[in-house]
PDB file of N, CA and C in Angstrom:
ATOM      1  N   MET A   1      10.839  -4.019  -7.334  1.00  0.00           N
ATOM      2  CA  MET A   1      11.726  -3.451  -6.345  1.00  0.00           C
ATOM      3  C   MET A   1      11.343  -4.012  -4.982  1.00  0.00           C
ATOM      4  N   THR A   2      12.351  -4.448  -4.239  1.00  0.00           N
ATOM      5  CA  THR A   2      12.114  -5.019  -2.913  1.00  0.00           C
ATOM      6  C   THR A   2      12.512  -4.027  -1.826  1.00  0.00           C
ATOM      7  N   LYS A   3      12.204  -4.392  -0.599  1.00  0.00           N
ATOM      8  CA  LYS A   3      12.590  -3.556   0.535  1.00  0.00           C
ATOM      9  C   LYS A   3      14.110  -3.399   0.579  1.00  0.00           C
ATOM     10  N   ALA A   4      14.831  -4.486   0.281  1.00  0.00           N
ATOM     11  CA  ALA A   4      16.299  -4.429   0.266  1.00  0.00           C
ATOM     12  C   ALA A   4      16.803  -3.464  -0.807  1.00  0.00           C
ATOM     13  N   ASP A   5      16.122  -3.411  -1.951  1.00  0.00           N
ATOM     14  CA  ASP A   5      16.498  -2.469  -3.006  1.00  0.00           C
ATOM     15  C   ASP A   5      16.309  -1.026  -2.539  1.00  0.00           C
ATOM     16  N   ILE A   6      15.224  -0.773  -1.810  1.00  0.00           N
ATOM     17  CA  ILE A   6      14.968   0.572  -1.286  1.00  0.00           C
ATOM     18  C   ILE A   6      16.062   0.959  -0.298  1.00  0.00           C
ATOM     19  N   VAL A   7      16.429   0.032   0.585  1.00  0.00           N
ATOM     20  CA  VAL A   7      17.500   0.282   1.557  1.00  0.00           C
ATOM     21  C   VAL A   7      18.798   0.609   0.815  1.00  0.00           C
ATOM     22  N   GLU A   8      19.096  -0.139  -0.213  1.00  0.00           N
ATOM     23  CA  GLU A   8      20.323   0.066  -1.000  1.00  0.00           C
ATOM     24  C   GLU A   8      20.336   1.437  -1.660  1.00  0.00           C
ATOM     25  N   ARG A   9      19.195   1.848  -2.210  1.00  0.00           N
ATOM     26  CA  ARG A   9      19.113   3.169  -2.867  1.00  0.00           C
ATOM     27  C   ARG A   9      19.301   4.300  -1.862  1.00  0.00           C
ATOM     28  N   ILE A  10      18.703   4.161  -0.675  1.00  0.00           N
ATOM     29  CA  ILE A  10      18.874   5.187   0.359  1.00  0.00           C
ATOM     30  C   ILE A  10      20.330   5.248   0.781  1.00  0.00           C
ATOM     31  N   TYR A  11      20.949   4.085   0.943  1.00  0.00           N
ATOM     32  CA  TYR A  11      22.366   3.995   1.301  1.00  0.00           C
ATOM     33  C   TYR A  11      23.224   4.739   0.272  1.00  0.00           C
ATOM     34  N   GLU A  12      22.937   4.537  -1.013  1.00  0.00           N
ATOM     35  CA  GLU A  12      23.729   5.154  -2.077  1.00  0.00           C
ATOM     36  C   GLU A  12      23.479   6.652  -2.201  1.00  0.00           C
ATOM     37  N   LYS A  13      22.218   7.075  -2.121  1.00  0.00           N
ATOM     38  CA  LYS A  13      21.872   8.470  -2.393  1.00  0.00           C
ATOM     39  C   LYS A  13      22.031   9.395  -1.193  1.00  0.00           C
ATOM     40  N   VAL A  14      21.678   8.922  -0.010  1.00  0.00           N
ATOM     41  CA  VAL A  14      21.671   9.799   1.163  1.00  0.00           C
ATOM     42  C   VAL A  14      22.982   9.716   1.931  1.00  0.00           C
ATOM     43  N   GLY A  15      23.584   8.536   1.925  1.00  0.00           N
ATOM     44  CA  GLY A  15      24.852   8.390   2.628  1.00  0.00           C
ATOM     45  C   GLY A  15      24.714   7.816   4.022  1.00  0.00           C
ATOM     46  N   PHE A  16      23.510   7.403   4.403  1.00  0.00           N
ATOM     47  CA  PHE A  16      23.354   6.712   5.681  1.00  0.00           C
ATOM     48  C   PHE A  16      24.041   5.354   5.577  1.00  0.00           C
ATOM     49  N   SER A  17      24.375   4.783   6.735  1.00  0.00           N
ATOM     50  CA  SER A  17      24.899   3.418   6.717  1.00  0.00           C
ATOM     51  C   SER A  17      23.766   2.484   6.311  1.00  0.00           C
ATOM     52  N   LYS A  18      24.126   1.260   5.932  1.00  0.00           N
ATOM     53  CA  LYS A  18      23.076   0.314   5.533  1.00  0.00           C
ATOM     54  C   LYS A  18      22.150   0.012   6.699  1.00  0.00           C
ATOM     55  N   LYS A  19      22.694  -0.040   7.911  1.00  0.00           N
ATOM     56  CA  LYS A  19      21.864  -0.301   9.088  1.00  0.00           C
ATOM     57  C   LYS A  19      20.888   0.850   9.316  1.00  0.00           C
ATOM     58  N   GLU A  20      21.385   2.090   9.220  1.00  0.00           N
ATOM     59  CA  GLU A  20      20.511   3.258   9.393  1.00  0.00           C
ATOM     60  C   GLU A  20      19.453   3.309   8.292  1.00  0.00           C
ATOM     61  N   SER A  21      19.856   2.982   7.073  1.00  0.00           N
ATOM     62  CA  SER A  21      18.911   2.976   5.952  1.00  0.00           C
ATOM     63  C   SER A  21      17.817   1.939   6.180  1.00  0.00           C
ATOM     64  N   ALA A  22      18.192   0.756   6.648  1.00  0.00           N
ATOM     65  CA  ALA A  22      17.222  -0.308   6.914  1.00  0.00           C
ATOM     66  C   ALA A  22      16.269   0.110   8.026  1.00  0.00           C
ATOM     67  N   GLU A  23      16.791   0.744   9.081  1.00  0.00           N
ATOM     68  CA  GLU A  23      15.940   1.206  10.180  1.00  0.00           C
ATOM     69  C   GLU A  23      14.967   2.276   9.701  1.00  0.00           C
ATOM     70  N   LEU A  24      15.437   3.169   8.836  1.00  0.00           N
ATOM     71  CA  LEU A  24      14.586   4.223   8.284  1.00  0.00           C
ATOM     72  C   LEU A  24      13.440   3.621   7.477  1.00  0.00           C
ATOM     73  N   VAL A  25      13.767   2.681   6.597  1.00  0.00           N
ATOM     74  CA  VAL A  25      12.737   2.035   5.774  1.00  0.00           C
ATOM     75  C   VAL A  25      11.738   1.289   6.659  1.00  0.00           C
ATOM     76  N   GLU A  26      12.225   0.546   7.640  1.00  0.00           N
ATOM     77  CA  GLU A  26      11.336  -0.183   8.554  1.00  0.00           C
ATOM     78  C   GLU A  26      10.415   0.771   9.304  1.00  0.00           C
ATOM     79  N   THR A  27      10.965   1.897   9.771  1.00  0.00           N
ATOM     80  CA  THR A  27      10.177   2.878  10.510  1.00  0.00           C
ATOM     81  C   THR A  27       9.068   3.461   9.635  1.00  0.00           C
ATOM     82  N   VAL A  28       9.404   3.809   8.399  1.00  0.00           N
ATOM     83  CA  VAL A  28       8.411   4.374   7.487  1.00  0.00           C
ATOM     84  C   VAL A  28       7.314   3.358   7.196  1.00  0.00           C
ATOM     85  N   PHE A  29       7.700   2.111   6.886  1.00  0.00           N
ATOM     86  CA  PHE A  29       6.695   1.091   6.595  1.00  0.00           C
ATOM     87  C   PHE A  29       5.837   0.773   7.814  1.00  0.00           C
ATOM     88  N   ASP A  30       6.432   0.746   9.003  1.00  0.00           N
ATOM     89  CA  ASP A  30       5.656   0.513  10.230  1.00  0.00           C
ATOM     90  C   ASP A  30       4.653   1.642  10.458  1.00  0.00           C
ATOM     91  N   LEU A  31       5.094   2.868  10.224  1.00  0.00           N
ATOM     92  CA  LEU A  31       4.208   4.025  10.387  1.00  0.00           C
ATOM     93  C   LEU A  31       3.030   3.940   9.416  1.00  0.00           C
ATOM     94  N   ILE A  32       3.307   3.607   8.164  1.00  0.00           N
ATOM     95  CA  ILE A  32       2.242   3.468   7.165  1.00  0.00           C
ATOM     96  C   ILE A  32       1.298   2.340   7.565  1.00  0.00           C
ATOM     97  N   LYS A  33       1.858   1.194   7.943  1.00  0.00           N
ATOM     98  CA  LYS A  33       1.030   0.038   8.316  1.00  0.00           C
ATOM     99  C   LYS A  33       0.143   0.358   9.515  1.00  0.00           C
ATOM    100  N   ASN A  34       0.706   0.974  10.552  1.00  0.00           N
ATOM    101  CA  ASN A  34      -0.057   1.298  11.755  1.00  0.00           C
ATOM    102  C   ASN A  34      -1.168   2.307  11.462  1.00  0.00           C
ATOM    103  N   THR A  35      -0.875   3.282  10.615  1.00  0.00           N
ATOM    104  CA  THR A  35      -1.877   4.281  10.246  1.00  0.00           C
ATOM    105  C   THR A  35      -3.042   3.630   9.518  1.00  0.00           C
ATOM    106  N   LEU A  36      -2.735   2.723   8.581  1.00  0.00           N
ATOM    107  CA  LEU A  36      -3.793   2.038   7.838  1.00  0.00           C
ATOM    108  C   LEU A  36      -4.569   1.075   8.724  1.00  0.00           C
ATOM    109  N   GLU A  37      -3.893   0.408   9.666  1.00  0.00           N
ATOM    110  CA  GLU A  37      -4.582  -0.488  10.600  1.00  0.00           C
ATOM    111  C   GLU A  37      -5.603   0.272  11.440  1.00  0.00           C
ATOM    112  N   ASP A  38      -5.295   1.534  11.763  1.00  0.00           N
ATOM    113  CA  ASP A  38      -6.208   2.368  12.545  1.00  0.00           C
ATOM    114  C   ASP A  38      -7.378   2.882  11.708  1.00  0.00           C
ATOM    115  N   GLY A  39      -7.349   2.610  10.402  1.00  0.00           N
ATOM    116  CA  GLY A  39      -8.432   3.038   9.525  1.00  0.00           C
ATOM    117  C   GLY A  39      -8.253   4.428   8.961  1.00  0.00           C
ATOM    118  N   ASP A  40      -7.108   5.047   9.210  1.00  0.00           N
ATOM    119  CA  ASP A  40      -6.845   6.383   8.680  1.00  0.00           C
ATOM    120  C   ASP A  40      -6.305   6.274   7.261  1.00  0.00           C
ATOM    121  N   LYS A  41      -6.486   7.351   6.486  1.00  0.00           N
ATOM    122  CA  LYS A  41      -5.956   7.314   5.128  1.00  0.00           C
ATOM    123  C   LYS A  41      -4.607   8.025   5.088  1.00  0.00           C
ATOM    124  N   ILE A  42      -3.820   7.668   4.101  1.00  0.00           N
ATOM    125  CA  ILE A  42      -2.495   8.263   3.928  1.00  0.00           C
ATOM    126  C   ILE A  42      -2.482   8.984   2.591  1.00  0.00           C
ATOM    127  N   LYS A  43      -2.123  10.257   2.636  1.00  0.00           N
ATOM    128  CA  LYS A  43      -2.052  11.070   1.425  1.00  0.00           C
ATOM    129  C   LYS A  43      -0.625  11.572   1.281  1.00  0.00           C
ATOM    130  N   ILE A  44       0.037  11.154   0.214  1.00  0.00           N
ATOM    131  CA  ILE A  44       1.411  11.567  -0.048  1.00  0.00           C
ATOM    132  C   ILE A  44       1.390  12.430  -1.305  1.00  0.00           C
ATOM    133  N   ALA A  45       1.666  13.727  -1.130  1.00  0.00           N
ATOM    134  CA  ALA A  45       1.615  14.676  -2.239  1.00  0.00           C
ATOM    135  C   ALA A  45       2.566  14.231  -3.354  1.00  0.00           C
ATOM    136  N   GLY A  46       2.083  14.275  -4.572  1.00  0.00           N
ATOM    137  CA  GLY A  46       2.880  13.902  -5.722  1.00  0.00           C
ATOM    138  C   GLY A  46       3.003  12.400  -5.927  1.00  0.00           C
ATOM    139  N   PHE A  47       2.380  11.614  -5.049  1.00  0.00           N
ATOM    140  CA  PHE A  47       2.457  10.156  -5.169  1.00  0.00           C
ATOM    141  C   PHE A  47       1.064   9.549  -5.239  1.00  0.00           C
ATOM    142  N   GLY A  48       0.254   9.731  -4.180  1.00  0.00           N
ATOM    143  CA  GLY A  48      -1.099   9.196  -4.207  1.00  0.00           C
ATOM    144  C   GLY A  48      -1.687   9.003  -2.829  1.00  0.00           C
ATOM    145  N   ASN A  49      -2.857   8.355  -2.791  1.00  0.00           N
ATOM    146  CA  ASN A  49      -3.589   8.123  -1.547  1.00  0.00           C
ATOM    147  C   ASN A  49      -3.780   6.632  -1.299  1.00  0.00           C
ATOM    148  N   PHE A  50      -3.554   6.225  -0.054  1.00  0.00           N
ATOM    149  CA  PHE A  50      -3.866   4.878   0.400  1.00  0.00           C
ATOM    150  C   PHE A  50      -5.083   4.995   1.307  1.00  0.00           C
ATOM    151  N   VAL A  51      -6.134   4.229   1.022  1.00  0.00           N
ATOM    152  CA  VAL A  51      -7.367   4.301   1.797  1.00  0.00           C
ATOM    153  C   VAL A  51      -7.849   2.893   2.112  1.00  0.00           C
ATOM    154  N   VAL A  52      -8.267   2.675   3.374  1.00  0.00           N
ATOM    155  CA  VAL A  52      -8.871   1.406   3.767  1.00  0.00           C
ATOM    156  C   VAL A  52     -10.382   1.571   3.621  1.00  0.00           C
ATOM    157  N   LYS A  53     -10.994   0.675   2.840  1.00  0.00           N
ATOM    158  CA  LYS A  53     -12.439   0.733   2.615  1.00  0.00           C
ATOM    159  C   LYS A  53     -13.092  -0.529   3.165  1.00  0.00           C
ATOM    160  N   GLU A  54     -14.346  -0.382   3.571  1.00  0.00           N
ATOM    161  CA  GLU A  54     -15.137  -1.504   4.077  1.00  0.00           C
ATOM    162  C   GLU A  54     -15.939  -2.112   2.939  1.00  0.00           C
ATOM    163  N   LYS A  55     -15.898  -3.419   2.818  1.00  0.00           N
ATOM    164  CA  LYS A  55     -16.754  -4.117   1.863  1.00  0.00           C
ATOM    165  C   LYS A  55     -17.811  -4.870   2.659  1.00  0.00           C
ATOM    166  N   ALA A  56     -19.048  -4.730   2.261  1.00  0.00           N
ATOM    167  CA  ALA A  56     -20.166  -5.376   2.965  1.00  0.00           C
ATOM    168  C   ALA A  56     -20.253  -6.855   2.592  1.00  0.00           C
ATOM    169  N   ASP A  57     -21.060  -7.595   3.377  1.00  0.00           N
ATOM    170  CA  ASP A  57     -21.365  -8.984   3.004  1.00  0.00           C
ATOM    171  C   ASP A  57     -21.965  -8.987   1.599  1.00  0.00           C
ATOM    172  N   ARG A  58     -21.710 -10.053   0.873  1.00  0.00           N
ATOM    173  CA  ARG A  58     -22.341 -10.185  -0.438  1.00  0.00           C
ATOM    174  C   ARG A  58     -22.547 -11.651  -0.758  1.00  0.00           C
ATOM    175  N   ARG A  59     -23.469 -11.873  -1.671  1.00  0.00           N
ATOM    176  CA  ARG A  59     -23.742 -13.249  -2.077  1.00  0.00           C
ATOM    177  C   ARG A  59     -22.798 -13.650  -3.200  1.00  0.00           C
ATOM    178  N   GLY A  60     -22.334 -14.882  -3.126  1.00  0.00           N
ATOM    179  CA  GLY A  60     -21.478 -15.433  -4.164  1.00  0.00           C
ATOM    180  C   GLY A  60     -21.912 -16.844  -4.473  1.00  0.00           C
ATOM    181  N   ARG A  61     -21.190 -17.493  -5.334  1.00  0.00           N
ATOM    182  CA  ARG A  61     -21.550 -18.844  -5.729  1.00  0.00           C
ATOM    183  C   ARG A  61     -20.284 -19.688  -5.798  1.00  0.00           C
ATOM    184  N   ASN A  62     -20.348 -20.890  -5.220  1.00  0.00           N
ATOM    185  CA  ASN A  62     -19.252 -21.843  -5.314  1.00  0.00           C
ATOM    186  C   ASN A  62     -19.214 -22.342  -6.756  1.00  0.00           C
ATOM    187  N   PRO A  63     -18.119 -22.081  -7.485  1.00  0.00           N
ATOM    188  CA  PRO A  63     -18.099 -22.448  -8.902  1.00  0.00           C
ATOM    189  C   PRO A  63     -18.132 -23.961  -9.154  1.00  0.00           C
ATOM    190  N   GLN A  64     -17.711 -24.750  -8.176  1.00  0.00           N
ATOM    191  CA  GLN A  64     -17.705 -26.207  -8.372  1.00  0.00           C
ATOM    192  C   GLN A  64     -19.090 -26.821  -8.167  1.00  0.00           C
ATOM    193  N   THR A  65     -19.797 -26.330  -7.140  1.00  0.00           N
ATOM    194  CA  THR A  65     -21.092 -26.942  -6.813  1.00  0.00           C
ATOM    195  C   THR A  65     -22.283 -26.097  -7.247  1.00  0.00           C
ATOM    196  N   GLY A  66     -22.054 -24.817  -7.504  1.00  0.00           N
ATOM    197  CA  GLY A  66     -23.155 -23.920  -7.840  1.00  0.00           C
ATOM    198  C   GLY A  66     -23.912 -23.457  -6.613  1.00  0.00           C
ATOM    199  N   GLU A  67     -23.487 -23.915  -5.424  1.00  0.00           N
ATOM    200  CA  GLU A  67     -24.156 -23.553  -4.175  1.00  0.00           C
ATOM    201  C   GLU A  67     -23.937 -22.067  -3.884  1.00  0.00           C
ATOM    202  N   GLU A  68     -25.017 -21.401  -3.468  1.00  0.00           N
ATOM    203  CA  GLU A  68     -24.928 -19.994  -3.120  1.00  0.00           C
ATOM    204  C   GLU A  68     -24.339 -19.861  -1.720  1.00  0.00           C
ATOM    205  N   ILE A  69     -23.369 -18.948  -1.568  1.00  0.00           N
ATOM    206  CA  ILE A  69     -22.726 -18.731  -0.267  1.00  0.00           C
ATOM    207  C   ILE A  69     -22.693 -17.235   0.026  1.00  0.00           C
ATOM    208  N   THR A  70     -22.423 -16.902   1.283  1.00  0.00           N
ATOM    209  CA  THR A  70     -22.264 -15.505   1.670  1.00  0.00           C
ATOM    210  C   THR A  70     -20.786 -15.223   1.850  1.00  0.00           C
ATOM    211  N   ILE A  71     -20.312 -14.220   1.138  1.00  0.00           N
ATOM    212  CA  ILE A  71     -18.926 -13.779   1.287  1.00  0.00           C
ATOM    213  C   ILE A  71     -18.924 -12.726   2.377  1.00  0.00           C
ATOM    214  N   SER A  72     -18.147 -12.953   3.422  1.00  0.00           N
ATOM    215  CA  SER A  72     -18.199 -12.091   4.604  1.00  0.00           C
ATOM    216  C   SER A  72     -17.628 -10.703   4.335  1.00  0.00           C
ATOM    217  N   ALA A  73     -18.044  -9.760   5.182  1.00  0.00           N
ATOM    218  CA  ALA A  73     -17.559  -8.390   5.099  1.00  0.00           C
ATOM    219  C   ALA A  73     -16.067  -8.370   5.403  1.00  0.00           C
ATOM    220  N   ARG A  74     -15.378  -7.426   4.800  1.00  0.00           N
ATOM    221  CA  ARG A  74     -13.945  -7.304   5.038  1.00  0.00           C
ATOM    222  C   ARG A  74     -13.479  -5.905   4.681  1.00  0.00           C
ATOM    223  N   LYS A  75     -12.249  -5.630   5.043  1.00  0.00           N
ATOM    224  CA  LYS A  75     -11.635  -4.352   4.700  1.00  0.00           C
ATOM    225  C   LYS A  75     -10.675  -4.589   3.537  1.00  0.00           C
ATOM    226  N   ILE A  76     -10.605  -3.604   2.647  1.00  0.00           N
ATOM    227  CA  ILE A  76      -9.662  -3.686   1.539  1.00  0.00           C
ATOM    228  C   ILE A  76      -8.828  -2.418   1.499  1.00  0.00           C
ATOM    229  N   LEU A  77      -7.637  -2.525   0.977  1.00  0.00           N
ATOM    230  CA  LEU A  77      -6.742  -1.385   0.837  1.00  0.00           C
ATOM    231  C   LEU A  77      -6.751  -0.955  -0.618  1.00  0.00           C
ATOM    232  N   THR A  78      -7.001   0.332  -0.843  1.00  0.00           N
ATOM    233  CA  THR A  78      -6.975   0.852  -2.207  1.00  0.00           C
ATOM    234  C   THR A  78      -5.892   1.913  -2.316  1.00  0.00           C
ATOM    235  N   PHE A  79      -5.356   2.047  -3.522  1.00  0.00           N
ATOM    236  CA  PHE A  79      -4.367   3.088  -3.813  1.00  0.00           C
ATOM    237  C   PHE A  79      -4.829   3.834  -5.039  1.00  0.00           C
ATOM    238  N   LYS A  80      -4.850   5.153  -4.926  1.00  0.00           N
ATOM    239  CA  LYS A  80      -5.196   5.982  -6.075  1.00  0.00           C
ATOM    240  C   LYS A  80      -4.006   6.893  -6.354  1.00  0.00           C
ATOM    241  N   PRO A  81      -3.353   6.722  -7.499  1.00  0.00           N
ATOM    242  CA  PRO A  81      -2.180   7.546  -7.809  1.00  0.00           C
ATOM    243  C   PRO A  81      -2.563   9.002  -8.061  1.00  0.00           C
ATOM    244  N   SER A  82      -1.637   9.898  -7.753  1.00  0.00           N
ATOM    245  CA  SER A  82      -1.868  11.323  -7.996  1.00  0.00           C
ATOM    246  C   SER A  82      -1.711  11.616  -9.486  1.00  0.00           C
ATOM    247  N   GLN A  83      -2.176  12.773  -9.897  1.00  0.00           N
ATOM    248  CA  GLN A  83      -2.022  13.189 -11.293  1.00  0.00           C
ATOM    249  C   GLN A  83      -0.546  13.312 -11.662  1.00  0.00           C
ATOM    250  N   VAL A  84       0.278  13.756 -10.716  1.00  0.00           N
ATOM    251  CA  VAL A  84       1.714  13.897 -10.952  1.00  0.00           C
ATOM    252  C   VAL A  84       2.336  12.534 -11.255  1.00  0.00           C
ATOM    253  N   LEU A  85       1.984  11.525 -10.468  1.00  0.00           N
ATOM    254  CA  LEU A  85       2.514  10.178 -10.693  1.00  0.00           C
ATOM    255  C   LEU A  85       2.006   9.606 -12.011  1.00  0.00           C
ATOM    256  N   LYS A  86       0.732   9.798 -12.306  1.00  0.00           N
ATOM    257  CA  LYS A  86       0.188   9.317 -13.571  1.00  0.00           C
ATOM    258  C   LYS A  86       0.921   9.947 -14.750  1.00  0.00           C
ATOM    259  N   ALA A  87       1.166  11.256 -14.663  1.00  0.00           N
ATOM    260  CA  ALA A  87       1.859  11.955 -15.749  1.00  0.00           C
ATOM    261  C   ALA A  87       3.296  11.432 -15.893  1.00  0.00           C
ATOM    262  N   ALA A  88       3.965  11.181 -14.777  1.00  0.00           N
ATOM    263  CA  ALA A  88       5.337  10.681 -14.825  1.00  0.00           C
ATOM    264  C   ALA A  88       5.395   9.302 -15.460  1.00  0.00           C
ATOM    265  N   ILE A  89       4.434   8.451 -15.135  1.00  0.00           N
ATOM    266  CA  ILE A  89       4.395   7.104 -15.695  1.00  0.00           C
ATOM    267  C   ILE A  89       4.132   7.146 -17.200  1.00  0.00           C
ATOM    268  N   ASN A  90       3.313   8.107 -17.617  1.00  0.00           N
ATOM    269  CA  ASN A  90       2.956   8.230 -19.034  1.00  0.00           C
ATOM    270  C   ASN A  90       3.878   9.177 -19.797  1.00  0.00           C
ATOM    271  N   ASN A  91       5.004   9.566 -19.176  1.00  0.00           N
ATOM    272  CA  ASN A  91       6.012  10.436 -19.808  1.00  0.00           C
ATOM    273  C   ASN A  91       5.424  11.748 -20.344  1.00  0.00           C
ATOM    274  N   GLN A  92       4.617  12.388 -19.524  1.00  0.00           N
ATOM    275  CA  GLN A  92       4.023  13.646 -19.946  1.00  0.00           C
ATOM    276  C   GLN A  92       4.630  14.800 -19.198  1.00  0.00           C
TER     277      GLN A  92
END
């Protein structure tokens, strides 16, 4: 499913114009993106949690040369689905 598909579904189900639907989707995604950029977590009841986690430096190896390298610290985004979403996916 793409962003355009989401806009189309909102247009069909809610009755907003396509322009209003697109603005709504953009606003929601911008809000989610900005919240995660600030390092805050997002918890959506019945759906799941989005959390930004810090990964520390670690040692790795270049597979071509075997040379040991340091993989720099970075942030990663994780998603943990809620029990409700898991049950829905598994038809329970």
